Amino acid sequence: QVQLVESGGGWVQAGGSLRLSCAASGSISSFNVMGWYRQAPGKQRELVARISKAGSTTYADSVKDRFTITRDNAKNTVYLQMNSLKVEDTAVYYCAANYNYYGGVDYWGKGTLVTVSS
């Protein structure tokens, strides 16, 4: 069983930046995909960004060119650098881990709240 613990959330004004971290209790090198999802109040959880073991990345259109996902297998940590934040980025952000690239999420973190104010 792997535990994922997110940190780095908080309050920021629109246009600001935050960096989220996801620390795993075990090795993340066994996961083909690590990702970040978010869920805003009253909305469904959505994919924000994902990164494969080989380092290829995928982003939601709404965050392209503003967010960057990276993974450090040596530190068992995944990061989400969020720049030029908008009010609509306000959500709980969840870390996720997949064993299979095209499969569902095998592990979820408990989430960290990001609040962007105007």
C-alpha atoms as a PDB file:
ATOM      1  CA  GLN A   1       0.000   0.000   0.000  1.00  0.00           C
ATOM      2  CA  VAL A   2       1.373   3.377  -1.039  1.00  0.00           C
ATOM      3  CA  GLN A   3       0.325   6.602   0.624  1.00  0.00           C
ATOM      4  CA  LEU A   4       0.386   9.884  -1.270  1.00  0.00           C
ATOM      5  CA  VAL A   5       0.570  13.088   0.746  1.00  0.00           C
ATOM      6  CA  GLU A   6       0.022  16.449  -0.928  1.00  0.00           C
ATOM      7  CA  SER A   7       1.331  19.757   0.369  1.00  0.00           C
ATOM      8  CA  GLY A   8       1.825  23.297  -0.831  1.00  0.00           C
ATOM      9  CA  GLY A   9      -1.762  24.399  -1.180  1.00  0.00           C
ATOM     10  CA  GLY A  10      -2.996  27.662   0.196  1.00  0.00           C
ATOM     11  CA  TRP A  11      -4.346  31.063  -0.665  1.00  0.00           C
ATOM     12  CA  VAL A  12      -2.924  33.206  -3.436  1.00  0.00           C
ATOM     13  CA  GLN A  13      -4.035  36.206  -5.433  1.00  0.00           C
ATOM     14  CA  ALA A  14      -4.825  35.875  -9.113  1.00  0.00           C
ATOM     15  CA  GLY A  15      -1.641  36.016 -11.164  1.00  0.00           C
ATOM     16  CA  GLY A  16       0.402  34.442  -8.401  1.00  0.00           C
ATOM     17  CA  SER A  17       2.165  31.094  -8.179  1.00  0.00           C
ATOM     18  CA  LEU A  18       2.133  28.000  -6.011  1.00  0.00           C
ATOM     19  CA  ARG A  19       4.054  24.742  -6.103  1.00  0.00           C
ATOM     20  CA  LEU A  20       2.323  21.590  -4.976  1.00  0.00           C
ATOM     21  CA  SER A  21       4.243  18.544  -3.845  1.00  0.00           C
ATOM     22  CA  CYS A  22       3.132  14.934  -3.592  1.00  0.00           C
ATOM     23  CA  ALA A  23       5.294  12.721  -1.420  1.00  0.00           C
ATOM     24  CA  ALA A  24       4.870   8.964  -1.678  1.00  0.00           C
ATOM     25  CA  SER A  25       5.484   6.577   1.201  1.00  0.00           C
ATOM     26  CA  GLY A  26       7.108   4.159  -1.203  1.00  0.00           C
ATOM     27  CA  SER A  27       8.856   4.172  -4.535  1.00  0.00           C
ATOM     28  CA  ILE A  28       7.049   5.929  -7.359  1.00  0.00           C
ATOM     29  CA  SER A  29       9.305   4.373  -9.976  1.00  0.00           C
ATOM     30  CA  SER A  30       6.906   1.439 -10.201  1.00  0.00           C
ATOM     31  CA  PHE A  31       4.092   3.713 -11.336  1.00  0.00           C
ATOM     32  CA  ASN A  32       3.869   4.298 -15.043  1.00  0.00           C
ATOM     33  CA  VAL A  33       1.900   7.484 -14.532  1.00  0.00           C
ATOM     34  CA  MET A  34       1.735  10.077 -11.788  1.00  0.00           C
ATOM     35  CA  GLY A  35      -0.835  12.797 -12.025  1.00  0.00           C
ATOM     36  CA  TRP A  36      -2.629  15.743 -10.500  1.00  0.00           C
ATOM     37  CA  TYR A  37      -6.395  16.094 -10.545  1.00  0.00           C
ATOM     38  CA  ARG A  38      -8.621  18.791  -9.114  1.00  0.00           C
ATOM     39  CA  GLN A  39     -12.182  19.160  -7.977  1.00  0.00           C
ATOM     40  CA  ALA A  40     -13.862  22.517  -7.669  1.00  0.00           C
ATOM     41  CA  PRO A  41     -17.009  22.987  -5.558  1.00  0.00           C
ATOM     42  CA  GLY A  42     -20.009  21.516  -7.335  1.00  0.00           C
ATOM     43  CA  LYS A  43     -17.928  20.097 -10.157  1.00  0.00           C
ATOM     44  CA  GLN A  44     -16.540  16.717 -11.087  1.00  0.00           C
ATOM     45  CA  ARG A  45     -12.946  15.792 -10.490  1.00  0.00           C
ATOM     46  CA  GLU A  46     -10.849  16.505 -13.564  1.00  0.00           C
ATOM     47  CA  LEU A  47      -7.385  15.699 -14.782  1.00  0.00           C
ATOM     48  CA  VAL A  48      -4.961  18.608 -14.545  1.00  0.00           C
ATOM     49  CA  ALA A  49      -1.678  17.033 -15.603  1.00  0.00           C
ATOM     50  CA  ARG A  50       0.037  13.671 -15.783  1.00  0.00           C
ATOM     51  CA  ILE A  51       3.588  12.503 -16.314  1.00  0.00           C
ATOM     52  CA  SER A  52       4.780   9.099 -17.461  1.00  0.00           C
ATOM     53  CA  LYS A  53       7.751   7.182 -16.164  1.00  0.00           C
ATOM     54  CA  ALA A  54       9.587   8.254 -19.306  1.00  0.00           C
ATOM     55  CA  GLY A  55       8.819  11.883 -18.590  1.00  0.00           C
ATOM     56  CA  SER A  56       6.182  12.592 -21.223  1.00  0.00           C
ATOM     57  CA  THR A  57       3.512  14.984 -20.017  1.00  0.00           C
ATOM     58  CA  THR A  58      -0.141  15.711 -20.683  1.00  0.00           C
ATOM     59  CA  TYR A  59      -2.035  18.812 -19.586  1.00  0.00           C
ATOM     60  CA  ALA A  60      -5.619  19.929 -19.521  1.00  0.00           C
ATOM     61  CA  ASP A  61      -6.160  22.694 -22.054  1.00  0.00           C
ATOM     62  CA  SER A  62      -7.148  25.073 -19.268  1.00  0.00           C
ATOM     63  CA  VAL A  63      -3.705  24.880 -17.626  1.00  0.00           C
ATOM     64  CA  LYS A  64      -1.382  24.491 -20.620  1.00  0.00           C
ATOM     65  CA  ASP A  65       1.509  26.962 -20.605  1.00  0.00           C
ATOM     66  CA  ARG A  66       0.753  27.856 -16.971  1.00  0.00           C
ATOM     67  CA  PHE A  67       1.279  24.608 -15.037  1.00  0.00           C
ATOM     68  CA  THR A  68       4.252  22.245 -15.121  1.00  0.00           C
ATOM     69  CA  ILE A  69       4.341  18.712 -13.726  1.00  0.00           C
ATOM     70  CA  THR A  70       7.610  17.029 -12.815  1.00  0.00           C
ATOM     71  CA  ARG A  71       8.600  13.886 -10.982  1.00  0.00           C
ATOM     72  CA  ASP A  72      11.683  13.083  -8.945  1.00  0.00           C
ATOM     73  CA  ASN A  73      11.893   9.312  -8.650  1.00  0.00           C
ATOM     74  CA  ALA A  74      14.876   9.545  -6.291  1.00  0.00           C
ATOM     75  CA  LYS A  75      12.816  11.587  -3.834  1.00  0.00           C
ATOM     76  CA  ASN A  76       9.555   9.717  -4.557  1.00  0.00           C
ATOM     77  CA  THR A  77       7.916  13.077  -5.131  1.00  0.00           C
ATOM     78  CA  VAL A  78       5.820  14.661  -7.848  1.00  0.00           C
ATOM     79  CA  TYR A  79       5.460  18.402  -8.230  1.00  0.00           C
ATOM     80  CA  LEU A  80       2.986  20.744  -9.849  1.00  0.00           C
ATOM     81  CA  GLN A  81       4.271  24.240 -10.478  1.00  0.00           C
ATOM     82  CA  MET A  82       1.314  26.543 -11.000  1.00  0.00           C
ATOM     83  CA  ASN A  83       1.910  30.011 -12.445  1.00  0.00           C
ATOM     84  CA  SER A  84      -0.428  32.795 -13.535  1.00  0.00           C
ATOM     85  CA  LEU A  85      -3.133  31.382 -11.324  1.00  0.00           C
ATOM     86  CA  LYS A  86      -6.734  32.280 -12.053  1.00  0.00           C
ATOM     87  CA  VAL A  87      -9.788  32.376  -9.831  1.00  0.00           C
ATOM     88  CA  GLU A  88     -11.126  29.365 -11.738  1.00  0.00           C
ATOM     89  CA  ASP A  89      -8.120  27.315 -10.612  1.00  0.00           C
ATOM     90  CA  THR A  90      -9.605  27.268  -7.113  1.00  0.00           C
ATOM     91  CA  ALA A  91     -10.115  23.617  -6.169  1.00  0.00           C
ATOM     92  CA  VAL A  92      -8.901  20.741  -4.078  1.00  0.00           C
ATOM     93  CA  TYR A  93      -5.911  19.241  -5.857  1.00  0.00           C
ATOM     94  CA  TYR A  94      -5.305  15.514  -5.634  1.00  0.00           C
ATOM     95  CA  CYS A  95      -2.213  13.496  -6.401  1.00  0.00           C
ATOM     96  CA  ALA A  96      -2.746  10.190  -8.188  1.00  0.00           C
ATOM     97  CA  ALA A  97      -0.693   7.159  -9.167  1.00  0.00           C
ATOM     98  CA  ASN A  98      -1.342   4.606 -11.919  1.00  0.00           C
ATOM     99  CA  TYR A  99       0.438   1.348 -12.474  1.00  0.00           C
ATOM    100  CA  ASN A 100      -0.891   1.188 -16.019  1.00  0.00           C
ATOM    101  CA  TYR A 101      -0.682   4.105 -18.422  1.00  0.00           C
ATOM    102  CA  TYR A 102      -4.195   3.580 -19.783  1.00  0.00           C
ATOM    103  CA  GLY A 103      -5.723   2.227 -16.599  1.00  0.00           C
ATOM    104  CA  GLY A 104      -7.549   3.895 -13.766  1.00  0.00           C
ATOM    105  CA  VAL A 105      -5.976   5.503 -10.751  1.00  0.00           C
ATOM    106  CA  ASP A 106      -4.633   3.006  -8.273  1.00  0.00           C
ATOM    107  CA  TYR A 107      -3.844   5.415  -5.441  1.00  0.00           C
ATOM    108  CA  TRP A 108      -5.189   8.821  -4.458  1.00  0.00           C
ATOM    109  CA  GLY A 109      -3.911  11.370  -2.031  1.00  0.00           C
ATOM    110  CA  LYS A 110      -6.287  13.161   0.324  1.00  0.00           C
ATOM    111  CA  GLY A 111      -5.926  16.467  -1.463  1.00  0.00           C
ATOM    112  CA  THR A 112      -4.744  19.987  -0.786  1.00  0.00           C
ATOM    113  CA  LEU A 113      -6.875  23.095  -1.161  1.00  0.00           C
ATOM    114  CA  VAL A 114      -5.831  25.878  -3.510  1.00  0.00           C
ATOM    115  CA  THR A 115      -7.774  29.124  -3.269  1.00  0.00           C
ATOM    116  CA  VAL A 116      -7.181  31.879  -5.798  1.00  0.00           C
ATOM    117  CA  SER A 117      -8.770  35.242  -5.078  1.00  0.00           C
ATOM    118  CA  SER A 118      -9.326  38.158  -7.436  1.00  0.00           C
END
